[in-house]
Every structure is written in C-alpha cells, then in structure tokens.
Amino acid sequence: MVGFAFWNRRVFWISVSLLGLFGFATEAAAQQALNKTVKVTFSFFVPADCADRSTNRYARDVTQEIYVSTKGRLFAKLAASAGRASAGRMVEPSRSGQFRLAGNQIVGVFVQASGAVQETITFDSSYQSCTAELLQGSEAGKTFSWVNLVGVKCNATGKGTFSNVACSVQQGNAFAN
C-alpha cells in the first residue's frame, strides 16, 4: 500500500507540474495574440430545401474580422452574402461567446436552427499568419438546418462544403481605422 500511495503522489505532482507548464504556455501564447486582428473569409454551400418551397442555390460568402484587444477581449465584425441577400453585425465581448481564445487558437461556434459550424483559427508560431478550419455538424439522426439571409428556414439535403478558406493576421485594431 505504501508503494501505491507514493506512486499516486508522484503522478499527482507530475500532473500538477504539467498543468502548470501548459497553463503558462497557453498564457504566453495568448499574450502574443493581443492587439491583433484576424481576417477569415470562406464560402459555405449546403444543398437544401427551404420552407418557402425553394431550394438553396447559393453559397454563403462570409467575411469575419476578429480583434483580440490588449486586454484579451474579442470583438468581431461578421458579414455574409448569398445571391442578392446580405447581412452583417458587430459582436462585442459580452456577446462574443461565439469566439474564445485558447492558446494559439481562436475557436468559434455558430449554432444553427439544428446543428452548428465550428471554426478553429490557428496562429503560426510567430503569430504573423494563420489557418482556418471549419466543420459542419448536426446531432445524430437530425438534419442540419439554418435560417438563410432572407429569414427562411432551410433543411440540408446533402453535406455542406467549405471553399476558398483564407486567413490573415494584422497588427493592431482594424476597427479603429
């Protein structure tokens, strides 16, 4: 029993040490992201039948600008267009639960009528460039659905595809200009 207690204590202290190292690395990484604006653009197309008896024929072209303030708060400006419809909005920190800073990544989740899109923006080691990865998902057995830019609910008839994904980083607050 003494050997077991010693082993548990050793594992505990190794775990605590590793957590401390990872916590420090995450904090240091987050510091490098401060006062930077990230711009992500992409197109997202989902074949779908809509409630107004139309079919979805247009990809949604999305532009996002995310500013990480000097205090680590995230501000976002989001814009989308599809066909002749368009929408945009600003997201302030108190409402930007969609985005969070996690080490060298910004992670965003966009909940839809049924399902969600997750976005992961990863900074390079110098925080001068980035990549963006987007995933569409829905609950097992449920159809991915969303409200389009003209306010009509659409239900996917096939898998969504992301294209033309681009990510860039600029120093400073792009919203201040």
N, C-alpha and C. Protein backbone atom coordinates (compact mmCIF):
# COMPACT_ATOMS: atom_id res chain seq x y z
N MET A 1 0.82 -1.19 0.00
CA MET A 1 0.00 0.00 0.00
C MET A 1 0.86 1.26 0.00
N VAL A 2 2.02 1.22 0.65
CA VAL A 2 2.88 2.38 0.67
C VAL A 2 3.36 2.72 -0.74
N GLY A 3 3.74 1.70 -1.53
CA GLY A 3 4.18 1.92 -2.91
C GLY A 3 3.08 2.56 -3.74
N PHE A 4 1.85 2.14 -3.54
CA PHE A 4 0.72 2.69 -4.27
C PHE A 4 0.50 4.15 -3.93
N ALA A 5 0.58 4.49 -2.63
CA ALA A 5 0.40 5.88 -2.20
C ALA A 5 1.51 6.76 -2.78
N PHE A 6 2.76 6.24 -2.78
CA PHE A 6 3.86 7.00 -3.33
C PHE A 6 3.65 7.25 -4.83
N TRP A 7 3.24 6.19 -5.55
CA TRP A 7 3.01 6.31 -6.99
C TRP A 7 1.91 7.34 -7.28
N ASN A 8 0.82 7.32 -6.51
CA ASN A 8 -0.26 8.29 -6.70
C ASN A 8 0.24 9.71 -6.46
N ARG A 9 1.05 9.89 -5.43
CA ARG A 9 1.58 11.21 -5.13
C ARG A 9 2.49 11.69 -6.27
N ARG A 10 3.32 10.78 -6.78
CA ARG A 10 4.22 11.14 -7.88
C ARG A 10 3.39 11.53 -9.12
N VAL A 11 2.39 10.73 -9.46
CA VAL A 11 1.53 11.04 -10.60
C VAL A 11 0.84 12.37 -10.38
N PHE A 12 0.38 12.62 -9.15
CA PHE A 12 -0.30 13.88 -8.84
C PHE A 12 0.64 15.05 -9.09
N TRP A 13 1.87 14.99 -8.58
CA TRP A 13 2.79 16.12 -8.74
C TRP A 13 3.26 16.29 -10.18
N ILE A 14 3.41 15.17 -10.89
CA ILE A 14 3.76 15.29 -12.31
C ILE A 14 2.60 15.96 -13.05
N SER A 15 1.37 15.54 -12.73
CA SER A 15 0.19 16.13 -13.37
C SER A 15 0.10 17.62 -13.07
N VAL A 16 0.30 17.99 -11.81
CA VAL A 16 0.24 19.40 -11.43
C VAL A 16 1.33 20.17 -12.16
N SER A 17 2.53 19.61 -12.26
CA SER A 17 3.62 20.29 -12.96
C SER A 17 3.29 20.48 -14.43
N LEU A 18 2.76 19.44 -15.07
CA LEU A 18 2.39 19.56 -16.48
C LEU A 18 1.29 20.58 -16.68
N LEU A 19 0.30 20.58 -15.80
CA LEU A 19 -0.77 21.57 -15.90
C LEU A 19 -0.20 22.98 -15.79
N GLY A 20 0.74 23.16 -14.89
CA GLY A 20 1.37 24.46 -14.73
C GLY A 20 2.11 24.87 -16.00
N LEU A 21 2.83 23.93 -16.61
CA LEU A 21 3.55 24.24 -17.85
C LEU A 21 2.59 24.58 -18.97
N PHE A 22 1.54 23.76 -19.13
CA PHE A 22 0.58 24.03 -20.19
C PHE A 22 -0.17 25.32 -19.92
N GLY A 23 -0.49 25.60 -18.68
CA GLY A 23 -1.16 26.85 -18.34
C GLY A 23 -0.28 28.04 -18.69
N PHE A 24 1.02 27.93 -18.40
CA PHE A 24 1.95 29.00 -18.73
C PHE A 24 2.05 29.16 -20.24
N ALA A 25 2.16 28.03 -20.95
CA ALA A 25 2.28 28.10 -22.41
C ALA A 25 1.03 28.74 -23.01
N THR A 26 -0.13 28.40 -22.50
CA THR A 26 -1.38 28.98 -23.01
C THR A 26 -1.40 30.47 -22.73
N GLU A 27 -0.99 30.88 -21.53
CA GLU A 27 -0.99 32.30 -21.19
C GLU A 27 0.01 33.06 -22.05
N ALA A 28 1.20 32.48 -22.27
CA ALA A 28 2.21 33.15 -23.10
C ALA A 28 1.72 33.24 -24.54
N ALA A 29 1.11 32.18 -25.02
CA ALA A 29 0.59 32.20 -26.39
C ALA A 29 -0.50 33.25 -26.52
N ALA A 30 -1.38 33.32 -25.56
CA ALA A 30 -2.46 34.31 -25.61
C ALA A 30 -1.88 35.72 -25.62
N GLN A 31 -0.79 35.97 -24.92
CA GLN A 31 -0.15 37.29 -24.90
C GLN A 31 0.29 37.69 -26.31
N GLN A 32 0.80 36.74 -27.09
CA GLN A 32 1.26 37.05 -28.44
C GLN A 32 0.10 37.39 -29.38
N ALA A 33 -1.10 36.96 -29.05
CA ALA A 33 -2.27 37.24 -29.89
C ALA A 33 -2.87 38.61 -29.62
N LEU A 34 -2.47 39.24 -28.51
CA LEU A 34 -3.06 40.52 -28.13
C LEU A 34 -2.77 41.60 -29.17
N ASN A 35 -3.74 42.50 -29.34
CA ASN A 35 -3.65 43.63 -30.25
C ASN A 35 -3.41 43.19 -31.70
N LYS A 36 -4.09 42.10 -32.07
CA LYS A 36 -4.01 41.62 -33.44
C LYS A 36 -5.43 41.49 -34.00
N THR A 37 -5.56 41.70 -35.30
CA THR A 37 -6.83 41.48 -35.99
C THR A 37 -6.64 40.32 -36.95
N VAL A 38 -7.55 39.38 -36.87
CA VAL A 38 -7.54 38.21 -37.74
C VAL A 38 -8.69 38.37 -38.73
N LYS A 39 -8.41 38.13 -40.00
CA LYS A 39 -9.46 38.18 -41.02
C LYS A 39 -9.59 36.79 -41.64
N VAL A 40 -10.82 36.27 -41.64
CA VAL A 40 -11.10 34.96 -42.22
C VAL A 40 -12.20 35.14 -43.27
N THR A 41 -11.99 34.56 -44.43
CA THR A 41 -13.02 34.56 -45.46
C THR A 41 -13.22 33.12 -45.94
N PHE A 42 -14.45 32.81 -46.31
CA PHE A 42 -14.74 31.48 -46.86
C PHE A 42 -16.12 31.49 -47.51
N SER A 43 -16.38 30.46 -48.29
CA SER A 43 -17.69 30.22 -48.87
C SER A 43 -18.21 28.91 -48.30
N PHE A 44 -19.51 28.85 -48.05
CA PHE A 44 -20.13 27.67 -47.45
C PHE A 44 -21.41 27.37 -48.22
N PHE A 45 -21.45 26.20 -48.83
CA PHE A 45 -22.65 25.81 -49.58
C PHE A 45 -23.23 24.53 -49.01
N VAL A 46 -24.54 24.55 -48.79
CA VAL A 46 -25.26 23.36 -48.34
C VAL A 46 -26.46 23.17 -49.26
N PRO A 47 -26.54 22.03 -49.97
CA PRO A 47 -27.75 21.79 -50.75
C PRO A 47 -28.92 21.63 -49.77
N ALA A 48 -30.05 22.27 -50.07
CA ALA A 48 -31.13 22.26 -49.10
C ALA A 48 -32.48 22.56 -49.74
N ASP A 49 -33.52 22.11 -49.05
CA ASP A 49 -34.89 22.51 -49.35
C ASP A 49 -35.31 23.49 -48.27
N CYS A 50 -35.94 24.59 -48.69
CA CYS A 50 -36.30 25.64 -47.75
C CYS A 50 -37.81 25.70 -47.53
N ALA A 51 -38.19 26.31 -46.43
CA ALA A 51 -39.60 26.37 -46.01
C ALA A 51 -40.49 27.10 -47.01
N ASP A 52 -39.92 27.98 -47.83
CA ASP A 52 -40.72 28.69 -48.83
C ASP A 52 -40.81 27.91 -50.15
N ARG A 53 -40.47 26.62 -50.10
CA ARG A 53 -40.51 25.68 -51.23
C ARG A 53 -39.41 25.93 -52.28
N SER A 54 -38.45 26.75 -51.94
CA SER A 54 -37.31 26.97 -52.83
C SER A 54 -36.20 25.98 -52.46
N THR A 55 -35.20 25.91 -53.31
CA THR A 55 -34.01 25.13 -52.97
C THR A 55 -32.85 26.10 -52.83
N ASN A 56 -31.93 25.78 -51.96
CA ASN A 56 -30.76 26.64 -51.77
C ASN A 56 -29.86 26.51 -52.99
N ARG A 57 -29.63 27.60 -53.68
CA ARG A 57 -28.79 27.60 -54.88
C ARG A 57 -27.50 28.39 -54.70
N TYR A 58 -27.37 29.08 -53.59
CA TYR A 58 -26.23 29.99 -53.42
C TYR A 58 -25.34 29.60 -52.25
N ALA A 59 -24.05 29.72 -52.49
CA ALA A 59 -23.09 29.59 -51.39
C ALA A 59 -23.17 30.87 -50.56
N ARG A 60 -22.94 30.74 -49.27
CA ARG A 60 -22.86 31.91 -48.39
C ARG A 60 -21.40 32.32 -48.34
N ASP A 61 -21.10 33.53 -48.80
CA ASP A 61 -19.75 34.07 -48.74
C ASP A 61 -19.62 34.85 -47.43
N VAL A 62 -18.64 34.48 -46.63
CA VAL A 62 -18.50 35.02 -45.28
C VAL A 62 -17.17 35.74 -45.13
N THR A 63 -17.20 36.89 -44.47
CA THR A 63 -16.00 37.63 -44.08
C THR A 63 -16.11 37.91 -42.59
N GLN A 64 -15.06 37.56 -41.87
CA GLN A 64 -15.02 37.80 -40.42
C GLN A 64 -13.73 38.54 -40.09
N GLU A 65 -13.86 39.55 -39.26
CA GLU A 65 -12.69 40.22 -38.68
C GLU A 65 -12.82 40.08 -37.18
N ILE A 66 -11.78 39.55 -36.55
CA ILE A 66 -11.80 39.34 -35.11
C ILE A 66 -10.60 40.08 -34.52
N TYR A 67 -10.89 41.00 -33.62
CA TYR A 67 -9.82 41.76 -32.97
C TYR A 67 -9.65 41.24 -31.56
N VAL A 68 -8.40 40.89 -31.20
CA VAL A 68 -8.06 40.49 -29.83
C VAL A 68 -7.46 41.73 -29.18
N SER A 69 -8.17 42.31 -28.24
CA SER A 69 -7.72 43.57 -27.63
C SER A 69 -6.49 43.35 -26.77
N THR A 70 -5.91 44.45 -26.31
CA THR A 70 -4.73 44.38 -25.44
C THR A 70 -5.07 43.77 -24.09
N LYS A 71 -6.37 43.66 -23.79
CA LYS A 71 -6.81 43.02 -22.55
C LYS A 71 -7.34 41.60 -22.79
N GLY A 72 -7.21 41.11 -24.03
CA GLY A 72 -7.62 39.75 -24.34
C GLY A 72 -9.10 39.60 -24.66
N ARG A 73 -9.82 40.71 -24.80
CA ARG A 73 -11.24 40.63 -25.16
C ARG A 73 -11.36 40.53 -26.67
N LEU A 74 -12.34 39.77 -27.15
CA LEU A 74 -12.51 39.56 -28.58
C LEU A 74 -13.71 40.35 -29.10
N PHE A 75 -13.47 41.12 -30.15
CA PHE A 75 -14.51 41.86 -30.86
C PHE A 75 -14.57 41.26 -32.25
N ALA A 76 -15.74 41.16 -32.82
CA ALA A 76 -15.85 40.58 -34.15
C ALA A 76 -16.80 41.38 -35.03
N LYS A 77 -16.46 41.45 -36.29
CA LYS A 77 -17.33 42.03 -37.30
C LYS A 77 -17.57 40.91 -38.31
N LEU A 78 -18.84 40.56 -38.49
CA LEU A 78 -19.20 39.44 -39.34
C LEU A 78 -20.07 39.95 -40.49
N ALA A 79 -19.81 39.46 -41.69
CA ALA A 79 -20.61 39.83 -42.85
C ALA A 79 -20.79 38.59 -43.72
N ALA A 80 -21.99 38.47 -44.31
CA ALA A 80 -22.27 37.34 -45.18
C ALA A 80 -23.15 37.79 -46.33
N SER A 81 -22.98 37.12 -47.47
CA SER A 81 -23.86 37.38 -48.61
C SER A 81 -24.11 36.05 -49.31
N ALA A 82 -25.29 35.96 -49.91
CA ALA A 82 -25.68 34.78 -50.69
C ALA A 82 -26.68 35.24 -51.72
N GLY A 83 -26.34 35.11 -52.99
CA GLY A 83 -27.22 35.65 -54.03
C GLY A 83 -27.33 37.15 -53.86
N ARG A 84 -28.56 37.64 -53.78
CA ARG A 84 -28.77 39.10 -53.60
C ARG A 84 -28.94 39.50 -52.14
N ALA A 85 -28.92 38.55 -51.25
CA ALA A 85 -29.12 38.84 -49.82
C ALA A 85 -27.78 39.04 -49.12
N SER A 86 -27.79 39.88 -48.10
CA SER A 86 -26.59 40.09 -47.30
C SER A 86 -26.97 40.49 -45.89
N ALA A 87 -26.05 40.28 -44.97
CA ALA A 87 -26.26 40.65 -43.56
C ALA A 87 -24.90 40.86 -42.93
N GLY A 88 -24.88 41.66 -41.88
CA GLY A 88 -23.65 41.90 -41.16
C GLY A 88 -23.97 42.32 -39.74
N ARG A 89 -22.97 42.16 -38.87
CA ARG A 89 -23.16 42.59 -37.48
C ARG A 89 -21.81 42.69 -36.78
N MET A 90 -21.82 43.49 -35.74
CA MET A 90 -20.66 43.60 -34.85
C MET A 90 -20.97 42.78 -33.62
N VAL A 91 -19.95 42.13 -33.09
CA VAL A 91 -20.12 41.33 -31.89
C VAL A 91 -19.17 41.86 -30.84
N GLU A 92 -19.71 42.32 -29.73
CA GLU A 92 -18.88 42.86 -28.65
C GLU A 92 -18.53 41.76 -27.66
N PRO A 93 -17.53 41.98 -26.80
CA PRO A 93 -17.05 40.93 -25.91
C PRO A 93 -18.15 40.28 -25.06
N SER A 94 -19.08 41.06 -24.56
CA SER A 94 -20.10 40.48 -23.69
C SER A 94 -20.99 39.51 -24.46
N ARG A 95 -21.01 39.62 -25.77
CA ARG A 95 -21.84 38.74 -26.59
C ARG A 95 -21.01 37.85 -27.51
N SER A 96 -19.70 37.92 -27.40
CA SER A 96 -18.87 37.17 -28.33
C SER A 96 -18.55 35.78 -27.82
N GLY A 97 -19.47 35.18 -27.09
CA GLY A 97 -19.29 33.81 -26.65
C GLY A 97 -19.08 32.89 -27.83
N GLN A 98 -19.38 33.40 -29.03
CA GLN A 98 -19.12 32.61 -30.23
C GLN A 98 -17.63 32.35 -30.40
N PHE A 99 -16.78 33.28 -29.96
CA PHE A 99 -15.34 33.15 -30.10
C PHE A 99 -14.68 33.13 -28.73
N ARG A 100 -13.62 32.30 -28.63
CA ARG A 100 -12.81 32.31 -27.42
C ARG A 100 -11.36 32.06 -27.80
N LEU A 101 -10.46 32.65 -27.05
CA LEU A 101 -9.04 32.47 -27.27
C LEU A 101 -8.59 31.27 -26.46
N ALA A 102 -7.93 30.31 -27.11
CA ALA A 102 -7.46 29.09 -26.44
C ALA A 102 -6.03 28.82 -26.91
N GLY A 103 -5.06 29.31 -26.15
CA GLY A 103 -3.67 29.13 -26.53
C GLY A 103 -3.37 29.84 -27.83
N ASN A 104 -2.89 29.10 -28.84
CA ASN A 104 -2.57 29.71 -30.13
C ASN A 104 -3.74 29.60 -31.11
N GLN A 105 -4.95 29.46 -30.58
CA GLN A 105 -6.13 29.34 -31.43
C GLN A 105 -7.25 30.25 -30.97
N ILE A 106 -8.07 30.62 -31.93
CA ILE A 106 -9.36 31.25 -31.65
C ILE A 106 -10.39 30.24 -32.13
N VAL A 107 -11.30 29.87 -31.25
CA VAL A 107 -12.32 28.89 -31.59
C VAL A 107 -13.68 29.57 -31.55
N GLY A 108 -14.47 29.35 -32.59
CA GLY A 108 -15.80 29.91 -32.67
C GLY A 108 -16.82 28.82 -32.95
N VAL A 109 -18.00 28.96 -32.37
CA VAL A 109 -19.09 28.02 -32.63
C VAL A 109 -20.31 28.84 -33.02
N PHE A 110 -20.90 28.46 -34.14
CA PHE A 110 -22.08 29.15 -34.66
C PHE A 110 -23.24 28.17 -34.65
N VAL A 111 -24.09 28.30 -33.65
CA VAL A 111 -25.24 27.41 -33.51
C VAL A 111 -26.28 27.77 -34.56
N GLN A 112 -26.80 26.77 -35.23
CA GLN A 112 -27.82 26.96 -36.26
C GLN A 112 -29.18 26.49 -35.73
N ALA A 113 -30.20 26.49 -36.56
CA ALA A 113 -31.52 26.01 -36.13
C ALA A 113 -31.40 24.56 -35.65
N SER A 114 -30.60 23.76 -36.35
CA SER A 114 -30.29 22.39 -35.94
C SER A 114 -28.88 22.11 -36.41
N GLY A 115 -27.98 21.93 -35.48
CA GLY A 115 -26.58 21.72 -35.81
C GLY A 115 -25.76 22.97 -35.53
N ALA A 116 -24.51 22.91 -35.96
CA ALA A 116 -23.61 24.03 -35.71
C ALA A 116 -22.44 23.98 -36.68
N VAL A 117 -21.73 25.09 -36.77
CA VAL A 117 -20.48 25.17 -37.50
C VAL A 117 -19.41 25.58 -36.49
N GLN A 118 -18.32 24.83 -36.46
CA GLN A 118 -17.20 25.17 -35.59
C GLN A 118 -16.06 25.67 -36.44
N GLU A 119 -15.47 26.77 -36.00
CA GLU A 119 -14.34 27.37 -36.69
C GLU A 119 -13.14 27.38 -35.75
N THR A 120 -12.01 26.90 -36.25
CA THR A 120 -10.78 26.92 -35.47
C THR A 120 -9.73 27.68 -36.27
N ILE A 121 -9.29 28.80 -35.72
CA ILE A 121 -8.25 29.63 -36.32
C ILE A 121 -6.97 29.35 -35.55
N THR A 122 -5.93 28.92 -36.25
CA THR A 122 -4.67 28.59 -35.59
C THR A 122 -3.58 29.54 -36.06
N PHE A 123 -2.93 30.19 -35.10
CA PHE A 123 -1.81 31.08 -35.40
C PHE A 123 -0.55 30.26 -35.64
N ASP A 124 0.34 30.75 -36.51
CA ASP A 124 1.65 30.13 -36.64
C ASP A 124 2.48 30.50 -35.41
N SER A 125 3.68 29.98 -35.30
CA SER A 125 4.49 30.19 -34.09
C SER A 125 4.87 31.65 -33.86
N SER A 126 4.91 32.46 -34.91
CA SER A 126 5.25 33.87 -34.75
C SER A 126 4.01 34.77 -34.63
N TYR A 127 2.84 34.20 -34.75
CA TYR A 127 1.57 34.95 -34.69
C TYR A 127 1.48 36.00 -35.80
N GLN A 128 2.13 35.71 -36.93
CA GLN A 128 2.09 36.61 -38.07
C GLN A 128 1.18 36.10 -39.18
N SER A 129 0.81 34.83 -39.11
CA SER A 129 -0.12 34.26 -40.09
C SER A 129 -1.01 33.24 -39.39
N CYS A 130 -2.01 32.75 -40.12
CA CYS A 130 -2.95 31.81 -39.50
C CYS A 130 -3.57 30.90 -40.55
N THR A 131 -4.20 29.87 -40.08
CA THR A 131 -5.01 28.99 -40.91
C THR A 131 -6.37 28.87 -40.24
N ALA A 132 -7.39 28.58 -41.05
CA ALA A 132 -8.74 28.41 -40.50
C ALA A 132 -9.29 27.07 -40.97
N GLU A 133 -9.92 26.37 -40.05
CA GLU A 133 -10.57 25.11 -40.36
C GLU A 133 -12.02 25.21 -39.92
N LEU A 134 -12.93 24.78 -40.77
CA LEU A 134 -14.35 24.86 -40.48
C LEU A 134 -14.98 23.48 -40.60
N LEU A 135 -15.86 23.16 -39.66
CA LEU A 135 -16.56 21.89 -39.64
C LEU A 135 -18.04 22.12 -39.42
N GLN A 136 -18.84 21.43 -40.20
CA GLN A 136 -20.30 21.49 -40.04
C GLN A 136 -20.71 20.19 -39.36
N GLY A 137 -21.64 20.30 -38.41
CA GLY A 137 -22.12 19.09 -37.75
C GLY A 137 -23.55 19.24 -37.30
N SER A 138 -24.15 18.09 -37.07
CA SER A 138 -25.50 18.08 -36.53
C SER A 138 -25.65 16.89 -35.60
N GLU A 139 -26.64 16.95 -34.77
CA GLU A 139 -26.92 15.88 -33.83
C GLU A 139 -27.28 14.61 -34.60
N ALA A 140 -26.83 13.47 -34.11
CA ALA A 140 -27.10 12.20 -34.78
C ALA A 140 -28.60 12.05 -35.07
N GLY A 141 -28.89 11.72 -36.29
CA GLY A 141 -30.28 11.49 -36.69
C GLY A 141 -31.07 12.74 -37.02
N LYS A 142 -30.44 13.91 -36.89
CA LYS A 142 -31.14 15.17 -37.19
C LYS A 142 -30.51 15.83 -38.41
N THR A 143 -31.34 16.50 -39.17
CA THR A 143 -30.88 17.20 -40.36
C THR A 143 -30.30 18.56 -39.97
N PHE A 144 -29.19 18.91 -40.59
CA PHE A 144 -28.61 20.25 -40.41
C PHE A 144 -29.59 21.25 -41.02
N SER A 145 -29.95 22.26 -40.26
CA SER A 145 -30.85 23.30 -40.79
C SER A 145 -30.43 24.66 -40.25
N TRP A 146 -30.79 25.68 -41.00
CA TRP A 146 -30.42 27.05 -40.64
C TRP A 146 -31.45 28.00 -41.22
N VAL A 147 -31.39 29.24 -40.78
CA VAL A 147 -32.23 30.29 -41.33
C VAL A 147 -31.35 31.09 -42.29
N ASN A 148 -31.78 31.17 -43.55
CA ASN A 148 -30.94 31.84 -44.54
C ASN A 148 -30.99 33.37 -44.35
N LEU A 149 -30.30 34.07 -45.20
CA LEU A 149 -30.15 35.52 -45.03
C LEU A 149 -31.42 36.32 -45.29
N VAL A 150 -32.44 35.68 -45.85
CA VAL A 150 -33.73 36.38 -46.03
C VAL A 150 -34.76 35.89 -45.03
N GLY A 151 -34.31 35.11 -44.03
CA GLY A 151 -35.18 34.71 -42.93
C GLY A 151 -35.97 33.43 -43.13
N VAL A 152 -35.61 32.62 -44.12
CA VAL A 152 -36.33 31.38 -44.40
C VAL A 152 -35.52 30.19 -43.88
N LYS A 153 -36.19 29.27 -43.17
CA LYS A 153 -35.51 28.08 -42.65
C LYS A 153 -35.27 27.10 -43.78
N CYS A 154 -34.04 26.56 -43.84
CA CYS A 154 -33.66 25.59 -44.85
C CYS A 154 -33.14 24.32 -44.18
N ASN A 155 -33.48 23.17 -44.76
CA ASN A 155 -33.05 21.87 -44.25
C ASN A 155 -32.12 21.22 -45.27
N ALA A 156 -30.94 20.84 -44.83
CA ALA A 156 -29.94 20.26 -45.72
C ALA A 156 -30.45 18.98 -46.36
N THR A 157 -30.14 18.82 -47.63
CA THR A 157 -30.43 17.57 -48.34
C THR A 157 -29.14 16.83 -48.67
N GLY A 158 -28.03 17.42 -48.29
CA GLY A 158 -26.71 16.83 -48.53
C GLY A 158 -25.70 17.49 -47.62
N LYS A 159 -24.47 17.08 -47.77
CA LYS A 159 -23.39 17.60 -46.92
C LYS A 159 -22.95 18.99 -47.38
N GLY A 160 -22.66 19.85 -46.43
CA GLY A 160 -22.15 21.18 -46.73
C GLY A 160 -20.67 21.13 -47.09
N THR A 161 -20.24 22.08 -47.91
CA THR A 161 -18.84 22.16 -48.29
C THR A 161 -18.33 23.58 -48.07
N PHE A 162 -17.10 23.67 -47.59
CA PHE A 162 -16.42 24.95 -47.40
C PHE A 162 -15.39 25.09 -48.51
N SER A 163 -15.25 26.28 -49.05
CA SER A 163 -14.25 26.52 -50.09
C SER A 163 -13.68 27.93 -49.94
N ASN A 164 -12.59 28.17 -50.65
CA ASN A 164 -11.94 29.48 -50.65
C ASN A 164 -11.64 30.00 -49.24
N VAL A 165 -11.21 29.10 -48.35
CA VAL A 165 -10.91 29.48 -46.97
C VAL A 165 -9.57 30.21 -46.94
N ALA A 166 -9.56 31.41 -46.38
CA ALA A 166 -8.33 32.19 -46.26
C ALA A 166 -8.28 32.84 -44.88
N CYS A 167 -7.07 33.00 -44.37
CA CYS A 167 -6.88 33.59 -43.04
C CYS A 167 -5.65 34.48 -43.08
N SER A 168 -5.75 35.65 -42.45
CA SER A 168 -4.60 36.56 -42.37
C SER A 168 -4.61 37.27 -41.02
N VAL A 169 -3.43 37.74 -40.64
CA VAL A 169 -3.25 38.43 -39.35
C VAL A 169 -2.64 39.80 -39.62
N GLN A 170 -3.14 40.80 -38.91
CA GLN A 170 -2.54 42.12 -39.00
C GLN A 170 -2.37 42.66 -37.58
N GLN A 171 -1.32 43.38 -37.36
CA GLN A 171 -1.06 44.01 -36.05
C GLN A 171 -2.04 45.15 -35.85
N GLY A 172 -2.57 45.28 -34.66
CA GLY A 172 -3.42 46.41 -34.32
C GLY A 172 -4.91 46.13 -34.50
N ASN A 173 -5.67 47.18 -34.23
CA ASN A 173 -7.14 47.11 -34.25
C ASN A 173 -7.66 47.60 -35.59
N ALA A 174 -8.11 46.68 -36.43
CA ALA A 174 -8.64 47.06 -37.74
C ALA A 174 -9.92 47.89 -37.63
N PHE A 175 -10.62 47.81 -36.51
CA PHE A 175 -11.86 48.56 -36.33
C PHE A 175 -11.61 50.02 -35.99
N ALA A 176 -10.40 50.35 -35.56
CA ALA A 176 -10.09 51.72 -35.14
C ALA A 176 -9.90 52.64 -36.34
N ASN A 177 -9.67 52.08 -37.50
CA ASN A 177 -9.41 52.91 -38.69
C ASN A 177 -10.67 53.45 -39.29
